[in-house]
Amino acid sequence: MPQHVFSGAGAPTSTPTARGQHYIDTTNSVHYESIGTSGATDWKPSAGLPIQHCFPYFTDTNYYISRTGTTYQIVSQIIFPGTDALANLTEVAIVSAESGTGSGKFRVYDVTNAQVICEIATISGTTPSIYKTTSISNLPAGEAIFELQLAHDNASGNTFLTTARLTCG
């Protein structure tokens, strides 16, 4: 079995021998993961696995969290370690649906610094679908509390969320 974790001073310069290997840059505190075995450029800065939240609220036929109304409401909180400790947040993906006239909305909100990180404002249809955004801004350098929030553009509409994935890279 090939070695799985490597470390050294500075970015990796050798070619990975297997996909999924890890390299720790001990000088700059950067974690890399190999995506292939073609050359040293196959080492990519990584935060490891994505931050993923599943919301196992079960009834007889449903598994989701639901929020009603036009004001954003909290679904969950996570601790974001900050860009100084982690690679940048590159994508947010959710599995969501809505009911009512209009569209559901989802956002990631930085409570610590009172900043919107990203928003998905076009959730439509009663069938759960995957929605993604890479339009991400206002990432804090230090540790912060992020809220996952739901709303709807119609006061009587419902927005449903089953899973949220925050990918760092």
N, C-alpha and C. Protein backbone atom coordinates (compact mmCIF):
# COMPACT_ATOMS: atom_id res chain seq x y z
N MET A 1 0.85 -1.18 0.00
CA MET A 1 0.00 0.00 0.00
C MET A 1 0.90 1.24 0.00
N PRO A 2 0.61 2.21 -0.89
CA PRO A 2 1.45 3.42 -0.94
C PRO A 2 1.22 4.28 0.29
N GLN A 3 2.24 5.07 0.62
CA GLN A 3 2.13 6.01 1.72
C GLN A 3 0.97 6.96 1.42
N HIS A 4 0.20 7.31 2.45
CA HIS A 4 -1.01 8.11 2.24
C HIS A 4 -0.83 9.58 2.64
N VAL A 5 -0.04 9.85 3.66
CA VAL A 5 0.16 11.21 4.15
C VAL A 5 1.63 11.57 4.08
N PHE A 6 1.91 12.74 3.48
CA PHE A 6 3.27 13.25 3.35
C PHE A 6 3.33 14.62 3.99
N SER A 7 4.52 15.08 4.31
CA SER A 7 4.67 16.44 4.81
C SER A 7 6.03 16.97 4.40
N GLY A 8 6.14 18.28 4.41
CA GLY A 8 7.41 18.91 4.08
C GLY A 8 7.31 20.41 4.20
N ALA A 9 8.45 21.08 4.09
CA ALA A 9 8.51 22.53 4.16
C ALA A 9 8.20 23.10 2.78
N GLY A 10 7.06 23.77 2.64
CA GLY A 10 6.67 24.34 1.36
C GLY A 10 5.70 23.45 0.60
N ALA A 11 5.24 23.97 -0.53
CA ALA A 11 4.29 23.24 -1.37
C ALA A 11 4.93 21.97 -1.92
N PRO A 12 4.11 20.95 -2.21
CA PRO A 12 4.66 19.70 -2.74
C PRO A 12 5.25 19.89 -4.14
N THR A 13 6.36 19.21 -4.39
CA THR A 13 7.01 19.28 -5.71
C THR A 13 7.08 17.92 -6.38
N SER A 14 6.79 16.85 -5.65
CA SER A 14 6.84 15.50 -6.22
C SER A 14 5.49 15.12 -6.80
N THR A 15 5.47 14.12 -7.64
CA THR A 15 4.24 13.59 -8.24
C THR A 15 3.58 12.63 -7.27
N PRO A 16 2.29 12.81 -6.99
CA PRO A 16 1.60 11.84 -6.12
C PRO A 16 1.60 10.45 -6.76
N THR A 17 1.64 9.44 -5.94
CA THR A 17 1.63 8.05 -6.44
C THR A 17 0.24 7.45 -6.46
N ALA A 18 -0.73 8.15 -5.85
CA ALA A 18 -2.12 7.67 -5.84
C ALA A 18 -3.04 8.86 -5.65
N ARG A 19 -4.22 8.76 -6.19
CA ARG A 19 -5.23 9.79 -5.99
C ARG A 19 -5.72 9.74 -4.55
N GLY A 20 -5.98 10.90 -3.96
CA GLY A 20 -6.50 10.95 -2.59
C GLY A 20 -5.43 10.99 -1.52
N GLN A 21 -4.16 11.08 -1.91
CA GLN A 21 -3.09 11.22 -0.91
C GLN A 21 -3.13 12.64 -0.33
N HIS A 22 -2.52 12.80 0.84
CA HIS A 22 -2.51 14.08 1.52
C HIS A 22 -1.08 14.55 1.73
N TYR A 23 -0.90 15.86 1.65
CA TYR A 23 0.41 16.47 1.88
C TYR A 23 0.19 17.68 2.79
N ILE A 24 1.01 17.80 3.84
CA ILE A 24 0.93 18.93 4.76
C ILE A 24 2.16 19.80 4.57
N ASP A 25 1.94 21.04 4.17
CA ASP A 25 3.02 22.03 4.07
C ASP A 25 3.22 22.57 5.48
N THR A 26 4.31 22.14 6.14
CA THR A 26 4.53 22.49 7.54
C THR A 26 5.00 23.94 7.72
N THR A 27 5.46 24.58 6.66
CA THR A 27 5.89 25.97 6.75
C THR A 27 4.71 26.92 6.73
N ASN A 28 3.78 26.68 5.81
CA ASN A 28 2.64 27.58 5.61
C ASN A 28 1.32 27.05 6.14
N SER A 29 1.34 25.89 6.79
CA SER A 29 0.12 25.26 7.34
C SER A 29 -0.96 25.10 6.29
N VAL A 30 -0.58 24.56 5.13
CA VAL A 30 -1.54 24.31 4.05
C VAL A 30 -1.65 22.80 3.84
N HIS A 31 -2.87 22.34 3.69
CA HIS A 31 -3.15 20.93 3.45
C HIS A 31 -3.46 20.76 1.96
N TYR A 32 -2.83 19.76 1.32
CA TYR A 32 -3.07 19.47 -0.10
C TYR A 32 -3.62 18.06 -0.22
N GLU A 33 -4.40 17.85 -1.27
CA GLU A 33 -4.89 16.51 -1.59
C GLU A 33 -4.63 16.24 -3.06
N SER A 34 -4.21 15.02 -3.38
CA SER A 34 -3.90 14.70 -4.78
C SER A 34 -5.18 14.33 -5.52
N ILE A 35 -5.27 14.86 -6.76
CA ILE A 35 -6.44 14.57 -7.60
C ILE A 35 -6.05 13.67 -8.76
N GLY A 36 -4.80 13.28 -8.84
CA GLY A 36 -4.31 12.43 -9.92
C GLY A 36 -2.85 12.07 -9.68
N THR A 37 -2.23 11.48 -10.71
CA THR A 37 -0.84 11.02 -10.58
C THR A 37 0.00 11.45 -11.78
N SER A 38 -0.37 12.55 -12.43
CA SER A 38 0.34 12.98 -13.63
C SER A 38 1.56 13.85 -13.34
N GLY A 39 1.52 14.61 -12.25
CA GLY A 39 2.63 15.49 -11.93
C GLY A 39 2.37 16.24 -10.63
N ALA A 40 3.32 17.08 -10.25
CA ALA A 40 3.19 17.83 -9.00
C ALA A 40 1.98 18.76 -9.00
N THR A 41 1.51 19.14 -10.18
CA THR A 41 0.32 20.01 -10.25
C THR A 41 -0.97 19.28 -9.86
N ASP A 42 -0.89 17.97 -9.65
CA ASP A 42 -2.05 17.21 -9.19
C ASP A 42 -2.28 17.37 -7.69
N TRP A 43 -1.38 18.04 -6.98
CA TRP A 43 -1.60 18.39 -5.58
C TRP A 43 -2.42 19.67 -5.55
N LYS A 44 -3.58 19.64 -4.93
CA LYS A 44 -4.45 20.82 -4.85
C LYS A 44 -4.69 21.18 -3.40
N PRO A 45 -4.60 22.50 -3.07
CA PRO A 45 -4.93 22.91 -1.69
C PRO A 45 -6.33 22.42 -1.34
N SER A 46 -6.47 21.93 -0.15
CA SER A 46 -7.74 21.33 0.23
C SER A 46 -8.01 21.56 1.70
N ALA A 47 -9.29 21.58 2.01
CA ALA A 47 -9.71 21.62 3.40
C ALA A 47 -10.17 20.24 3.83
N GLY A 48 -9.85 19.23 3.05
CA GLY A 48 -10.33 17.90 3.35
C GLY A 48 -11.73 17.73 2.80
N LEU A 49 -12.58 17.08 3.53
CA LEU A 49 -13.94 16.84 3.08
C LEU A 49 -14.78 18.10 3.16
N PRO A 50 -15.79 18.23 2.31
CA PRO A 50 -16.68 19.38 2.41
C PRO A 50 -17.41 19.39 3.74
N ILE A 51 -17.81 20.58 4.15
CA ILE A 51 -18.67 20.71 5.31
C ILE A 51 -20.08 20.41 4.82
N GLN A 52 -20.70 19.36 5.34
CA GLN A 52 -22.02 18.99 4.84
C GLN A 52 -22.97 18.81 6.01
N HIS A 53 -24.17 19.36 5.86
CA HIS A 53 -25.22 19.22 6.86
C HIS A 53 -26.41 18.53 6.23
N CYS A 54 -26.88 17.47 6.86
CA CYS A 54 -28.12 16.81 6.46
C CYS A 54 -29.13 17.07 7.56
N PHE A 55 -30.36 17.26 7.18
CA PHE A 55 -31.39 17.61 8.14
C PHE A 55 -32.42 16.49 8.19
N PRO A 56 -32.20 15.51 9.07
CA PRO A 56 -33.08 14.33 9.08
C PRO A 56 -34.34 14.54 9.89
N TYR A 57 -35.20 15.44 9.44
CA TYR A 57 -36.51 15.63 10.04
C TYR A 57 -37.47 14.72 9.29
N PHE A 58 -37.90 13.67 9.93
CA PHE A 58 -38.69 12.67 9.23
C PHE A 58 -40.15 12.68 9.67
N THR A 59 -41.04 12.57 8.68
CA THR A 59 -42.43 12.24 8.93
C THR A 59 -42.66 10.96 8.14
N ASP A 60 -43.90 10.62 7.87
CA ASP A 60 -44.16 9.39 7.12
C ASP A 60 -43.53 9.41 5.74
N THR A 61 -43.53 10.56 5.07
CA THR A 61 -43.02 10.62 3.70
C THR A 61 -42.02 11.75 3.48
N ASN A 62 -41.72 12.55 4.49
CA ASN A 62 -40.87 13.72 4.29
C ASN A 62 -39.63 13.69 5.16
N TYR A 63 -38.57 14.26 4.65
CA TYR A 63 -37.33 14.44 5.40
C TYR A 63 -36.74 15.79 5.02
N TYR A 64 -37.02 16.79 5.82
CA TYR A 64 -36.60 18.14 5.49
C TYR A 64 -36.81 19.06 6.68
N ILE A 65 -36.29 20.27 6.54
CA ILE A 65 -36.63 21.38 7.43
C ILE A 65 -37.38 22.38 6.58
N SER A 66 -38.44 22.95 7.12
CA SER A 66 -39.29 23.88 6.37
C SER A 66 -39.37 25.21 7.10
N ARG A 67 -39.37 26.29 6.33
CA ARG A 67 -39.57 27.63 6.88
C ARG A 67 -40.59 28.36 6.02
N THR A 68 -41.47 29.14 6.66
CA THR A 68 -42.51 29.90 5.98
C THR A 68 -42.27 31.39 6.19
N GLY A 69 -42.51 32.18 5.14
CA GLY A 69 -42.46 33.63 5.28
C GLY A 69 -41.32 34.28 4.55
N THR A 70 -41.39 35.62 4.46
CA THR A 70 -40.45 36.39 3.66
C THR A 70 -39.18 36.78 4.42
N THR A 71 -39.17 36.66 5.72
CA THR A 71 -38.00 36.99 6.52
C THR A 71 -37.11 35.75 6.66
N TYR A 72 -35.81 35.93 6.45
CA TYR A 72 -34.89 34.79 6.61
C TYR A 72 -34.96 34.26 8.03
N GLN A 73 -35.02 32.92 8.13
CA GLN A 73 -35.07 32.23 9.41
C GLN A 73 -33.96 31.20 9.48
N ILE A 74 -33.39 31.04 10.65
CA ILE A 74 -32.27 30.12 10.84
C ILE A 74 -32.72 28.67 10.70
N VAL A 75 -31.87 27.88 10.03
CA VAL A 75 -32.07 26.45 9.91
C VAL A 75 -31.01 25.73 10.74
N SER A 76 -29.78 26.23 10.67
CA SER A 76 -28.66 25.60 11.37
C SER A 76 -27.52 26.60 11.49
N GLN A 77 -26.60 26.31 12.38
CA GLN A 77 -25.38 27.10 12.52
C GLN A 77 -24.17 26.20 12.38
N ILE A 78 -23.11 26.74 11.79
CA ILE A 78 -21.84 26.03 11.71
C ILE A 78 -20.73 26.99 12.10
N ILE A 79 -19.61 26.44 12.51
CA ILE A 79 -18.43 27.25 12.81
C ILE A 79 -17.54 27.22 11.57
N PHE A 80 -17.33 28.38 10.97
CA PHE A 80 -16.41 28.50 9.84
C PHE A 80 -15.06 28.90 10.42
N PRO A 81 -13.99 28.12 10.17
CA PRO A 81 -12.71 28.39 10.81
C PRO A 81 -11.98 29.63 10.29
N GLY A 82 -12.44 30.19 9.18
CA GLY A 82 -11.80 31.37 8.62
C GLY A 82 -10.81 31.01 7.52
N THR A 83 -10.59 31.96 6.62
CA THR A 83 -9.69 31.69 5.49
C THR A 83 -8.24 31.60 5.91
N ASP A 84 -7.89 32.13 7.09
CA ASP A 84 -6.51 31.98 7.58
C ASP A 84 -6.21 30.53 7.96
N ALA A 85 -7.24 29.79 8.37
CA ALA A 85 -7.06 28.41 8.80
C ALA A 85 -7.51 27.39 7.77
N LEU A 86 -8.23 27.84 6.76
CA LEU A 86 -8.86 26.94 5.82
C LEU A 86 -8.82 27.57 4.44
N ALA A 87 -8.81 26.74 3.43
CA ALA A 87 -8.90 27.27 2.06
C ALA A 87 -10.22 28.01 1.89
N ASN A 88 -10.34 28.82 0.88
CA ASN A 88 -11.56 29.58 0.63
C ASN A 88 -12.76 28.68 0.39
N LEU A 89 -13.92 29.18 0.76
CA LEU A 89 -15.18 28.53 0.44
C LEU A 89 -15.42 28.75 -1.05
N THR A 90 -15.56 27.67 -1.81
CA THR A 90 -15.65 27.79 -3.27
C THR A 90 -17.02 27.49 -3.84
N GLU A 91 -17.83 26.71 -3.13
CA GLU A 91 -19.16 26.36 -3.64
C GLU A 91 -20.08 26.04 -2.48
N VAL A 92 -21.33 26.45 -2.63
CA VAL A 92 -22.39 26.05 -1.72
C VAL A 92 -23.45 25.35 -2.56
N ALA A 93 -23.83 24.15 -2.14
CA ALA A 93 -24.85 23.37 -2.84
C ALA A 93 -25.90 22.93 -1.82
N ILE A 94 -27.14 22.92 -2.26
CA ILE A 94 -28.24 22.50 -1.39
C ILE A 94 -29.19 21.59 -2.15
N VAL A 95 -29.94 20.80 -1.41
CA VAL A 95 -31.09 20.07 -1.96
C VAL A 95 -32.30 20.74 -1.32
N SER A 96 -33.15 21.31 -2.18
CA SER A 96 -34.24 22.13 -1.67
C SER A 96 -35.45 22.07 -2.59
N ALA A 97 -36.59 22.51 -2.08
CA ALA A 97 -37.83 22.63 -2.84
C ALA A 97 -38.66 23.74 -2.20
N GLU A 98 -39.77 24.08 -2.83
CA GLU A 98 -40.64 25.10 -2.25
C GLU A 98 -42.08 24.81 -2.64
N SER A 99 -43.00 25.44 -1.92
CA SER A 99 -44.41 25.36 -2.28
C SER A 99 -45.02 26.74 -2.12
N GLY A 100 -45.98 27.04 -2.96
CA GLY A 100 -46.61 28.34 -2.93
C GLY A 100 -46.26 29.11 -4.19
N THR A 101 -46.84 30.28 -4.34
CA THR A 101 -46.55 31.13 -5.48
C THR A 101 -45.25 31.89 -5.22
N GLY A 102 -44.34 31.84 -6.17
CA GLY A 102 -43.07 32.55 -6.01
C GLY A 102 -41.90 31.59 -5.91
N SER A 103 -40.85 32.05 -5.25
CA SER A 103 -39.61 31.27 -5.14
C SER A 103 -39.12 31.20 -3.71
N GLY A 104 -38.49 30.06 -3.39
CA GLY A 104 -37.83 29.93 -2.11
C GLY A 104 -36.44 30.55 -2.19
N LYS A 105 -35.88 30.85 -1.02
CA LYS A 105 -34.55 31.46 -0.94
C LYS A 105 -33.74 30.79 0.17
N PHE A 106 -32.42 30.72 -0.06
CA PHE A 106 -31.48 30.16 0.90
C PHE A 106 -30.28 31.09 0.95
N ARG A 107 -29.71 31.26 2.13
CA ARG A 107 -28.46 32.01 2.20
C ARG A 107 -27.60 31.51 3.34
N VAL A 108 -26.32 31.79 3.21
CA VAL A 108 -25.36 31.59 4.29
C VAL A 108 -25.03 32.98 4.82
N TYR A 109 -25.22 33.16 6.12
CA TYR A 109 -25.05 34.47 6.75
C TYR A 109 -24.00 34.37 7.85
N ASP A 110 -23.03 35.26 7.82
CA ASP A 110 -21.98 35.33 8.84
C ASP A 110 -22.52 36.17 9.99
N VAL A 111 -22.92 35.51 11.07
CA VAL A 111 -23.48 36.18 12.23
C VAL A 111 -22.42 37.02 12.94
N THR A 112 -21.23 36.49 13.04
CA THR A 112 -20.14 37.16 13.76
C THR A 112 -19.84 38.53 13.15
N ASN A 113 -19.82 38.62 11.84
CA ASN A 113 -19.43 39.85 11.16
C ASN A 113 -20.58 40.55 10.43
N ALA A 114 -21.80 40.04 10.61
CA ALA A 114 -23.01 40.63 10.00
C ALA A 114 -22.85 40.81 8.49
N GLN A 115 -22.52 39.71 7.79
CA GLN A 115 -22.30 39.74 6.34
C GLN A 115 -23.03 38.58 5.67
N VAL A 116 -23.62 38.82 4.51
CA VAL A 116 -24.15 37.75 3.68
C VAL A 116 -22.98 37.14 2.92
N ILE A 117 -22.83 35.82 3.00
CA ILE A 117 -21.74 35.10 2.32
C ILE A 117 -22.18 34.69 0.93
N CYS A 118 -23.39 34.16 0.81
CA CYS A 118 -23.94 33.79 -0.50
C CYS A 118 -25.44 33.63 -0.38
N GLU A 119 -26.10 33.64 -1.55
CA GLU A 119 -27.55 33.48 -1.57
C GLU A 119 -27.97 32.73 -2.82
N ILE A 120 -28.96 31.86 -2.66
CA ILE A 120 -29.62 31.18 -3.77
C ILE A 120 -31.07 31.63 -3.70
N ALA A 121 -31.51 32.43 -4.68
CA ALA A 121 -32.82 33.08 -4.58
C ALA A 121 -33.82 32.57 -5.61
N THR A 122 -33.57 31.42 -6.20
CA THR A 122 -34.46 30.94 -7.26
C THR A 122 -34.88 29.49 -7.05
N ILE A 123 -35.23 29.12 -5.84
CA ILE A 123 -35.68 27.76 -5.56
C ILE A 123 -37.14 27.66 -5.99
N SER A 124 -37.43 26.71 -6.89
CA SER A 124 -38.80 26.58 -7.37
C SER A 124 -39.16 25.11 -7.56
N GLY A 125 -40.43 24.81 -7.40
CA GLY A 125 -40.93 23.46 -7.60
C GLY A 125 -41.01 22.66 -6.32
N THR A 126 -41.93 21.71 -6.32
CA THR A 126 -42.16 20.90 -5.12
C THR A 126 -41.29 19.66 -5.07
N THR A 127 -40.56 19.38 -6.14
CA THR A 127 -39.65 18.23 -6.16
C THR A 127 -38.26 18.70 -5.71
N PRO A 128 -37.66 18.03 -4.72
CA PRO A 128 -36.32 18.45 -4.29
C PRO A 128 -35.33 18.41 -5.46
N SER A 129 -34.56 19.48 -5.58
CA SER A 129 -33.56 19.61 -6.64
C SER A 129 -32.26 20.15 -6.04
N ILE A 130 -31.18 19.97 -6.79
CA ILE A 130 -29.89 20.50 -6.37
C ILE A 130 -29.74 21.92 -6.90
N TYR A 131 -29.37 22.83 -6.01
CA TYR A 131 -29.09 24.22 -6.36
C TYR A 131 -27.67 24.52 -5.89
N LYS A 132 -26.90 25.21 -6.74
CA LYS A 132 -25.50 25.51 -6.40
C LYS A 132 -25.19 26.97 -6.68
N THR A 133 -24.22 27.49 -5.94
CA THR A 133 -23.67 28.80 -6.24
C THR A 133 -22.17 28.81 -5.94
N THR A 134 -21.45 29.52 -6.79
CA THR A 134 -20.03 29.78 -6.55
C THR A 134 -19.82 31.28 -6.37
N SER A 135 -20.91 32.03 -6.29
CA SER A 135 -20.86 33.47 -6.06
C SER A 135 -20.79 33.70 -4.55
N ILE A 136 -19.59 33.72 -4.03
CA ILE A 136 -19.35 33.75 -2.59
C ILE A 136 -18.48 34.95 -2.28
N SER A 137 -18.83 35.70 -1.24
CA SER A 137 -18.05 36.88 -0.88
C SER A 137 -18.06 37.08 0.63
N ASN A 138 -17.31 38.05 1.09
CA ASN A 138 -17.26 38.45 2.50
C ASN A 138 -16.76 37.37 3.44
N LEU A 139 -15.89 36.48 2.95
CA LEU A 139 -15.37 35.43 3.82
C LEU A 139 -14.44 36.02 4.87
N PRO A 140 -14.65 35.67 6.13
CA PRO A 140 -13.80 36.22 7.19
C PRO A 140 -12.46 35.48 7.28
N ALA A 141 -11.43 36.19 7.68
CA ALA A 141 -10.12 35.59 7.87
C ALA A 141 -10.11 34.74 9.14
N GLY A 142 -10.83 35.17 10.16
CA GLY A 142 -10.87 34.46 11.43
C GLY A 142 -12.13 33.65 11.61
N GLU A 143 -12.18 32.92 12.69
CA GLU A 143 -13.31 32.06 13.01
C GLU A 143 -14.61 32.86 13.12
N ALA A 144 -15.70 32.30 12.59
CA ALA A 144 -17.00 32.98 12.62
C ALA A 144 -18.13 31.96 12.66
N ILE A 145 -19.26 32.41 13.16
CA ILE A 145 -20.47 31.59 13.16
C ILE A 145 -21.24 31.90 11.88
N PHE A 146 -21.50 30.85 11.09
CA PHE A 146 -22.32 30.98 9.89
C PHE A 146 -23.68 30.37 10.18
N GLU A 147 -24.72 31.06 9.72
CA GLU A 147 -26.07 30.50 9.79
C GLU A 147 -26.50 30.09 8.39
N LEU A 148 -27.18 28.95 8.30
CA LEU A 148 -27.88 28.53 7.09
C LEU A 148 -29.31 29.00 7.29
N GLN A 149 -29.83 29.79 6.34
CA GLN A 149 -31.13 30.42 6.52
C GLN A 149 -32.04 30.18 5.31
N LEU A 150 -33.35 30.13 5.57
CA LEU A 150 -34.36 29.96 4.53
C LEU A 150 -35.39 31.09 4.60
N ALA A 151 -35.95 31.42 3.43
CA ALA A 151 -37.06 32.37 3.34
C ALA A 151 -37.82 32.07 2.05
N HIS A 152 -38.88 32.81 1.81
CA HIS A 152 -39.68 32.68 0.59
C HIS A 152 -40.09 34.08 0.18
N ASP A 153 -40.24 34.34 -1.12
CA ASP A 153 -40.63 35.69 -1.53
C ASP A 153 -42.13 35.93 -1.43
N ASN A 154 -42.88 34.92 -0.96
CA ASN A 154 -44.32 35.03 -0.73
C ASN A 154 -44.56 34.70 0.75
N ALA A 155 -45.29 35.55 1.45
CA ALA A 155 -45.48 35.37 2.90
C ALA A 155 -46.08 34.02 3.27
N SER A 156 -46.87 33.42 2.38
CA SER A 156 -47.48 32.12 2.70
C SER A 156 -46.72 30.95 2.06
N GLY A 157 -45.63 31.21 1.38
CA GLY A 157 -44.86 30.13 0.74
C GLY A 157 -43.95 29.42 1.72
N ASN A 158 -43.65 28.17 1.44
CA ASN A 158 -42.75 27.36 2.25
C ASN A 158 -41.50 27.03 1.45
N THR A 159 -40.35 27.06 2.10
CA THR A 159 -39.10 26.61 1.50
C THR A 159 -38.61 25.43 2.32
N PHE A 160 -38.19 24.36 1.64
CA PHE A 160 -37.77 23.12 2.27
C PHE A 160 -36.28 22.88 2.01
N LEU A 161 -35.57 22.35 2.98
CA LEU A 161 -34.14 22.05 2.83
C LEU A 161 -33.86 20.68 3.43
N THR A 162 -33.17 19.83 2.67
CA THR A 162 -32.78 18.52 3.20
C THR A 162 -31.28 18.43 3.44
N THR A 163 -30.47 19.07 2.59
CA THR A 163 -29.01 18.96 2.70
C THR A 163 -28.37 20.27 2.24
N ALA A 164 -27.28 20.63 2.91
CA ALA A 164 -26.45 21.75 2.49
C ALA A 164 -25.01 21.30 2.52
N ARG A 165 -24.26 21.63 1.46
CA ARG A 165 -22.84 21.27 1.40
C ARG A 165 -22.03 22.54 1.11
N LEU A 166 -21.05 22.82 1.97
CA LEU A 166 -20.15 23.95 1.77
C LEU A 166 -18.80 23.37 1.43
N THR A 167 -18.31 23.63 0.22
CA THR A 167 -17.06 23.04 -0.26
C THR A 167 -15.95 24.07 -0.22
N CYS A 168 -14.83 23.68 0.35
CA CYS A 168 -13.66 24.55 0.43
C CYS A 168 -12.59 23.99 -0.49
N GLY A 169 -11.81 24.86 -1.08
CA GLY A 169 -10.75 24.37 -1.96
C GLY A 169 -9.72 25.42 -2.22
